[in-house]
Amino acid sequence: MKTPKRIEPLVEDGLVDEVLRPLMSGKEAAVYVVRCGDELRCAKVYKEANKRSFRQASEYQEGRKVRGSRQARAMAKGSKYGRKEQEQAWQNAEVAALFRLANAGVRVPKPYDFLDGVLLMELVGDGEGDVAPRLNDVDLHPDDAREFHAFMIQEIVKMLCAGLVHGDLSEFNVLLGPEGPVIIDLPQAVDAAANNHAFSMLERDVRNMAEYFGQFAPELKYTKYAKEMWALYEAGKLLPDTQLSGEFAEPEDAADIDAVMREIKAALAEEAKKQALLNAEDEPKDAEPIPPWMR
């Protein structure tokens, strides 16, 4: 096929020999199958901000480092230069996360290079010459579901030990290769220590895995791995090979926030009622009643 314009610099630099076919086009990027020497790889071409639908939500960007104060100010102002810097930082986040996680032993596509908004990385196949399917495209035997779920929990632990939370993990961004699941799509990965939303994102990632695999092995829906691993992470006791139980006992003295708020509202209502009665007793007996719309 004709080489897409964005991939031409990689061909000129000898990183890509030939573009074979488009693989998929998503909300943030278009992916192509390319030939690099004797190997088939993926070229992920990030879409420009005005041509993609994925929102760079502030909760994902919190805690991300920028190159300097000038860039930070420009990004905050939303100037043309600031938007360009923000776009570059967004793309760089996935590249940095892939290299970081690959080095930590997490099963992600191996990254090779990043040039002009194009990420060159491993093509995950199915072992029979085709691209590996996504989890949402396969039906699983209950035993396989349990095995893959346990594997994914361990990969999430490794990610957290490497200081990252995927942030958007689901059956739609996990491929099922010959050796098991492979985690993809990481531009929204967040720093576990620097992002205040990290735990809620971790909890959502873990819940998505439990709900998906729980379709085939229902008992998985009732596990509590997120709270267990986060408690160990905060205590500095989480290791890449930590074996979790899937159970987590809430502290006995943990406050029930909803119950406390209900008690506060009830107390305020009671106080308001008492005050209204006192005010009524102080009013002259022959006073005209206050119309409802003036109360």
Protein backbone atom coordinates (compact mmCIF):
# COMPACT_ATOMS: atom_id res chain seq x y z
CA MET A 1 0.00 0.00 0.00
CA LYS A 2 1.01 3.64 -0.34
CA THR A 3 3.10 4.82 2.59
CA PRO A 4 1.10 7.18 4.85
CA LYS A 5 2.71 10.61 5.01
CA ARG A 6 3.32 10.38 8.77
CA ILE A 7 5.32 7.14 8.34
CA GLU A 8 7.53 8.48 5.52
CA PRO A 9 10.21 9.83 7.95
CA LEU A 10 10.61 6.31 9.42
CA VAL A 11 11.08 4.88 5.90
CA GLU A 12 13.64 7.59 5.09
CA ASP A 13 15.53 6.82 8.30
CA GLY A 14 15.56 3.10 7.54
CA LEU A 15 13.39 2.18 10.51
CA VAL A 16 10.58 0.86 8.27
CA ASP A 17 11.03 -0.91 4.93
CA GLU A 18 7.42 -1.22 3.85
CA VAL A 19 3.89 -0.47 5.02
CA LEU A 20 1.81 -3.60 4.41
CA ARG A 21 -1.71 -2.76 5.53
CA PRO A 22 -3.79 -0.78 8.02
CA LEU A 23 -4.53 -2.74 11.19
CA MET A 24 -7.03 -0.56 13.01
CA SER A 25 -8.09 3.02 13.53
CA GLY A 26 -9.16 4.08 16.99
CA LYS A 27 -10.15 7.19 18.90
CA GLU A 28 -6.57 8.36 19.33
CA ALA A 29 -4.44 6.67 16.67
CA ALA A 30 -4.27 4.65 13.47
CA VAL A 31 -2.17 1.48 13.52
CA TYR A 32 -0.44 -0.09 10.52
CA VAL A 33 1.36 -3.38 9.97
CA VAL A 34 4.86 -2.63 8.68
CA ARG A 35 7.86 -4.67 7.62
CA CYS A 36 11.19 -3.97 9.26
CA GLY A 37 13.77 -6.24 7.67
CA ASP A 38 12.49 -9.77 8.23
CA GLU A 39 10.11 -8.78 11.04
CA LEU A 40 6.54 -7.55 11.06
CA ARG A 41 5.89 -4.70 13.48
CA CYS A 42 3.22 -2.11 14.29
CA ALA A 43 3.41 1.59 13.53
CA LYS A 44 1.03 3.53 15.75
CA VAL A 45 0.33 6.93 14.21
CA TYR A 46 -1.16 9.32 16.75
CA LYS A 47 -3.98 11.48 15.47
CA GLU A 48 -3.77 15.23 15.83
CA ALA A 49 -5.77 16.63 18.73
CA ASN A 50 -8.48 18.12 16.50
CA LYS A 51 -8.95 14.81 14.66
CA ARG A 52 -9.47 12.44 17.58
CA SER A 53 -12.20 11.99 20.13
CA PHE A 54 -10.22 10.87 23.19
CA ARG A 55 -10.34 13.60 25.81
CA GLN A 56 -7.14 14.41 27.66
CA ALA A 57 -8.99 14.50 30.98
CA SER A 58 -7.27 16.49 33.71
CA GLU A 59 -7.31 13.54 36.10
CA TYR A 60 -4.99 11.63 33.75
CA GLN A 61 -2.58 14.54 33.34
CA GLU A 62 -2.23 15.24 37.05
CA GLY A 63 1.27 14.54 38.30
CA ARG A 64 2.85 14.35 34.85
CA LYS A 65 6.13 16.18 34.49
CA VAL A 66 6.70 18.75 31.77
CA ARG A 67 10.01 19.95 30.37
CA GLY A 68 10.08 23.32 32.12
CA SER A 69 8.15 26.25 33.57
CA ARG A 70 7.66 27.85 30.16
CA GLN A 71 5.96 24.73 28.83
CA ALA A 72 3.86 24.41 31.99
CA ARG A 73 2.63 28.01 31.70
CA ALA A 74 1.84 27.63 28.00
CA MET A 75 -0.08 24.41 28.63
CA ALA A 76 -2.06 26.06 31.43
CA LYS A 77 -2.94 29.02 29.19
CA GLY A 78 -3.98 26.78 26.31
CA SER A 79 -2.00 28.75 23.74
CA LYS A 80 -1.11 27.25 20.34
CA TYR A 81 2.37 26.46 21.63
CA GLY A 82 0.89 25.11 24.85
CA ARG A 83 -1.49 22.80 22.99
CA LYS A 84 1.41 21.50 20.91
CA GLU A 85 3.43 20.84 24.05
CA GLN A 86 0.46 19.15 25.71
CA GLU A 87 -0.04 16.94 22.67
CA GLN A 88 3.61 15.95 22.66
CA ALA A 89 3.53 15.22 26.39
CA TRP A 90 0.43 13.06 25.89
CA GLN A 91 2.12 10.99 23.18
CA ASN A 92 5.37 10.75 25.13
CA ALA A 93 3.45 9.35 28.11
CA GLU A 94 2.63 6.11 26.30
CA VAL A 95 6.15 5.74 24.92
CA ALA A 96 7.68 6.28 28.37
CA ALA A 97 5.16 3.92 29.97
CA LEU A 98 5.85 1.16 27.41
CA PHE A 99 9.62 1.31 27.90
CA ARG A 100 9.21 1.51 31.67
CA LEU A 101 6.84 -1.44 31.88
CA ALA A 102 8.75 -3.57 29.38
CA ASN A 103 11.87 -3.07 31.51
CA ALA A 104 9.85 -4.06 34.59
CA GLY A 105 8.83 -7.36 32.99
CA VAL A 106 5.20 -6.42 32.34
CA ARG A 107 3.75 -8.13 29.27
CA VAL A 108 3.29 -5.22 26.87
CA PRO A 109 4.25 -4.87 23.18
CA LYS A 110 7.98 -4.25 22.97
CA PRO A 111 8.63 -0.63 21.91
CA TYR A 112 11.38 0.00 19.35
CA ASP A 113 11.35 3.69 18.43
CA PHE A 114 9.32 6.89 18.46
CA LEU A 115 9.66 9.51 15.74
CA ASP A 116 7.45 12.46 14.74
CA GLY A 117 4.35 11.13 16.50
CA VAL A 118 4.75 7.54 15.27
CA LEU A 119 5.43 4.72 17.72
CA LEU A 120 7.13 1.65 16.30
CA MET A 121 6.50 -1.46 18.38
CA GLU A 122 6.08 -5.22 18.43
CA LEU A 123 3.22 -6.79 16.49
CA VAL A 124 1.45 -9.22 18.82
CA GLY A 125 0.33 -12.23 16.77
CA ASP A 126 -1.87 -15.22 17.47
CA GLY A 127 0.84 -17.77 16.61
CA GLU A 128 -0.85 -18.66 13.32
CA GLY A 129 0.10 -15.69 11.19
CA ASP A 130 -2.71 -13.35 12.21
CA VAL A 131 -2.91 -10.52 14.72
CA ALA A 132 -3.83 -11.59 18.25
CA PRO A 133 -7.51 -11.02 19.13
CA ARG A 134 -8.68 -8.72 21.90
CA LEU A 135 -10.11 -10.33 25.00
CA ASN A 136 -13.59 -9.06 24.17
CA ASP A 137 -13.52 -11.15 20.98
CA VAL A 138 -12.97 -14.52 22.66
CA ASP A 139 -15.02 -16.94 24.75
CA LEU A 140 -13.19 -18.57 27.62
CA HIS A 141 -13.45 -21.81 29.54
CA PRO A 142 -13.89 -21.08 33.29
CA ASP A 143 -10.46 -22.52 34.07
CA ASP A 144 -8.83 -20.31 31.42
CA ALA A 145 -10.70 -17.29 32.76
CA ARG A 146 -9.36 -17.96 36.26
CA GLU A 147 -5.84 -18.45 34.93
CA PHE A 148 -5.87 -15.28 32.81
CA HIS A 149 -7.48 -13.24 35.59
CA ALA A 150 -4.75 -14.31 38.03
CA PHE A 151 -2.14 -13.42 35.41
CA MET A 152 -3.66 -9.97 34.83
CA ILE A 153 -3.78 -9.25 38.56
CA GLN A 154 -0.08 -10.10 38.77
CA GLU A 155 0.66 -7.80 35.81
CA ILE A 156 -1.26 -4.97 37.49
CA VAL A 157 0.86 -5.59 40.60
CA LYS A 158 4.04 -5.35 38.49
CA MET A 159 2.76 -2.11 36.95
CA LEU A 160 2.07 -0.65 40.37
CA CYS A 161 5.52 -1.69 41.59
CA ALA A 162 6.90 0.18 38.56
CA GLY A 163 4.96 3.22 39.75
CA LEU A 164 2.20 3.20 37.14
CA VAL A 165 -1.54 2.57 36.90
CA HIS A 166 -2.96 1.79 33.44
CA GLY A 167 -6.02 3.97 33.99
CA ASP A 168 -8.18 2.52 31.21
CA LEU A 169 -7.69 -1.24 31.47
CA SER A 170 -10.48 -3.41 30.08
CA GLU A 171 -11.07 -6.37 27.80
CA PHE A 172 -10.82 -3.96 24.85
CA ASN A 173 -7.14 -3.14 25.40
CA VAL A 174 -5.78 -6.57 26.25
CA LEU A 175 -4.70 -8.88 23.43
CA LEU A 176 -4.68 -12.65 23.82
CA GLY A 177 -1.43 -13.96 22.38
CA PRO A 178 -0.12 -17.55 22.31
CA GLU A 179 1.56 -17.03 25.68
CA GLY A 180 -1.37 -15.26 27.30
CA PRO A 181 -2.69 -11.70 27.69
CA VAL A 182 -0.73 -8.67 26.47
CA ILE A 183 -1.60 -5.19 27.76
CA ILE A 184 -1.88 -2.41 25.15
CA ASP A 185 -2.95 1.26 24.86
CA LEU A 186 -1.17 3.19 27.59
CA PRO A 187 -1.34 6.93 26.76
CA GLN A 188 -3.51 7.52 29.84
CA ALA A 189 -1.20 5.69 32.29
CA VAL A 190 -0.77 7.69 35.50
CA ASP A 191 1.94 8.01 38.12
CA ALA A 192 0.73 6.05 41.14
CA ALA A 193 2.51 8.29 43.64
CA ALA A 194 1.87 11.70 42.05
CA ASN A 195 -1.75 11.38 40.90
CA ASN A 196 -4.53 11.77 43.46
CA HIS A 197 -6.86 9.70 41.28
CA ALA A 198 -4.46 6.76 41.02
CA PHE A 199 -6.28 4.50 43.48
CA SER A 200 -9.72 5.06 41.97
CA MET A 201 -8.26 4.30 38.52
CA LEU A 202 -6.53 1.19 39.86
CA GLU A 203 -9.79 0.08 41.45
CA ARG A 204 -11.61 0.57 38.14
CA ASP A 205 -8.94 -1.36 36.21
CA VAL A 206 -9.16 -4.28 38.63
CA ARG A 207 -12.97 -4.18 38.65
CA ASN A 208 -13.08 -4.25 34.84
CA MET A 209 -10.93 -7.38 34.84
CA ALA A 210 -13.09 -9.03 37.51
CA GLU A 211 -16.31 -8.24 35.66
CA TYR A 212 -15.00 -9.47 32.31
CA PHE A 213 -13.48 -12.73 33.53
CA GLY A 214 -16.39 -13.08 35.96
CA GLN A 215 -18.66 -13.75 32.97
CA PHE A 216 -16.96 -17.13 32.70
CA ALA A 217 -16.03 -17.69 36.37
CA PRO A 218 -18.61 -15.76 38.48
CA GLU A 219 -16.70 -16.00 41.78
CA LEU A 220 -14.09 -13.59 40.39
CA LYS A 221 -16.61 -10.74 40.60
CA TYR A 222 -16.41 -10.77 44.40
CA THR A 223 -12.64 -10.44 44.78
CA LYS A 224 -11.04 -7.34 46.35
CA TYR A 225 -7.58 -7.24 44.84
CA ALA A 226 -7.41 -3.46 44.34
CA LYS A 227 -7.72 -2.53 48.01
CA GLU A 228 -5.39 -5.35 49.01
CA MET A 229 -2.59 -4.36 46.63
CA TRP A 230 -3.01 -0.62 47.28
CA ALA A 231 -2.72 -1.13 51.05
CA LEU A 232 0.52 -3.05 50.52
CA TYR A 233 1.77 -0.43 48.04
CA GLU A 234 1.15 2.42 50.48
CA ALA A 235 2.91 0.47 53.22
CA GLY A 236 5.91 -0.10 50.94
CA LYS A 237 5.38 -3.87 51.09
CA LEU A 238 4.18 -4.59 47.55
CA LEU A 239 6.64 -6.56 45.41
CA PRO A 240 6.33 -7.75 41.78
CA ASP A 241 5.96 -11.34 42.95
CA THR A 242 3.63 -10.63 45.89
CA GLN A 243 0.89 -13.25 46.01
CA LEU A 244 -2.47 -11.71 46.82
CA SER A 245 -5.51 -13.39 48.35
CA GLY A 246 -8.26 -11.33 46.72
CA GLU A 247 -9.67 -10.57 50.17
CA PHE A 248 -9.48 -7.36 52.14
CA ALA A 249 -10.89 -6.67 55.58
CA GLU A 250 -11.88 -3.06 56.10
CA PRO A 251 -10.49 -1.53 59.32
CA GLU A 252 -13.05 -1.96 62.10
CA ASP A 253 -12.81 1.70 63.04
CA ALA A 254 -13.22 2.93 59.46
CA ALA A 255 -15.81 5.68 59.31
CA ASP A 256 -19.03 5.10 57.41
CA ILE A 257 -19.10 8.45 55.59
CA ASP A 258 -22.69 8.07 54.38
CA ALA A 259 -23.91 7.24 57.87
CA VAL A 260 -22.06 10.21 59.35
CA MET A 261 -23.55 12.56 56.75
CA ARG A 262 -27.03 11.23 57.45
CA GLU A 263 -26.57 11.88 61.17
CA ILE A 264 -25.31 15.41 60.49
CA LYS A 265 -28.27 16.20 58.24
CA ALA A 266 -30.71 14.79 60.81
CA ALA A 267 -29.14 16.86 63.59
CA LEU A 268 -29.32 20.03 61.47
CA ALA A 269 -32.96 19.36 60.62
CA GLU A 270 -33.81 18.81 64.28
CA GLU A 271 -32.05 22.02 65.27
CA ALA A 272 -33.89 23.95 62.56
CA LYS A 273 -37.19 22.54 63.81
CA LYS A 274 -36.44 23.60 67.42
CA GLN A 275 -35.43 27.08 66.27
CA ALA A 276 -38.64 27.42 64.28
CA LEU A 277 -40.72 26.50 67.35
CA LEU A 278 -38.84 29.05 69.47
CA ASN A 279 -39.39 31.74 66.86
CA ALA A 280 -43.10 30.90 66.73
CA GLU A 281 -43.41 31.27 70.53
CA ASP A 282 -41.79 34.72 70.38
CA GLU A 283 -44.18 36.06 67.73
CA PRO A 284 -47.23 38.17 68.80
CA LYS A 285 -50.35 36.01 69.14
CA ASP A 286 -52.42 38.24 66.87
CA ALA A 287 -49.81 38.41 64.13
CA GLU A 288 -50.86 37.51 60.62
CA PRO A 289 -49.60 34.08 59.53
CA ILE A 290 -46.61 34.20 57.17
CA PRO A 291 -47.57 33.22 53.61
CA PRO A 292 -45.91 29.97 52.43
CA TRP A 293 -43.99 31.75 49.62
CA MET A 294 -42.32 34.07 52.19
CA ARG A 295 -41.19 31.36 54.61
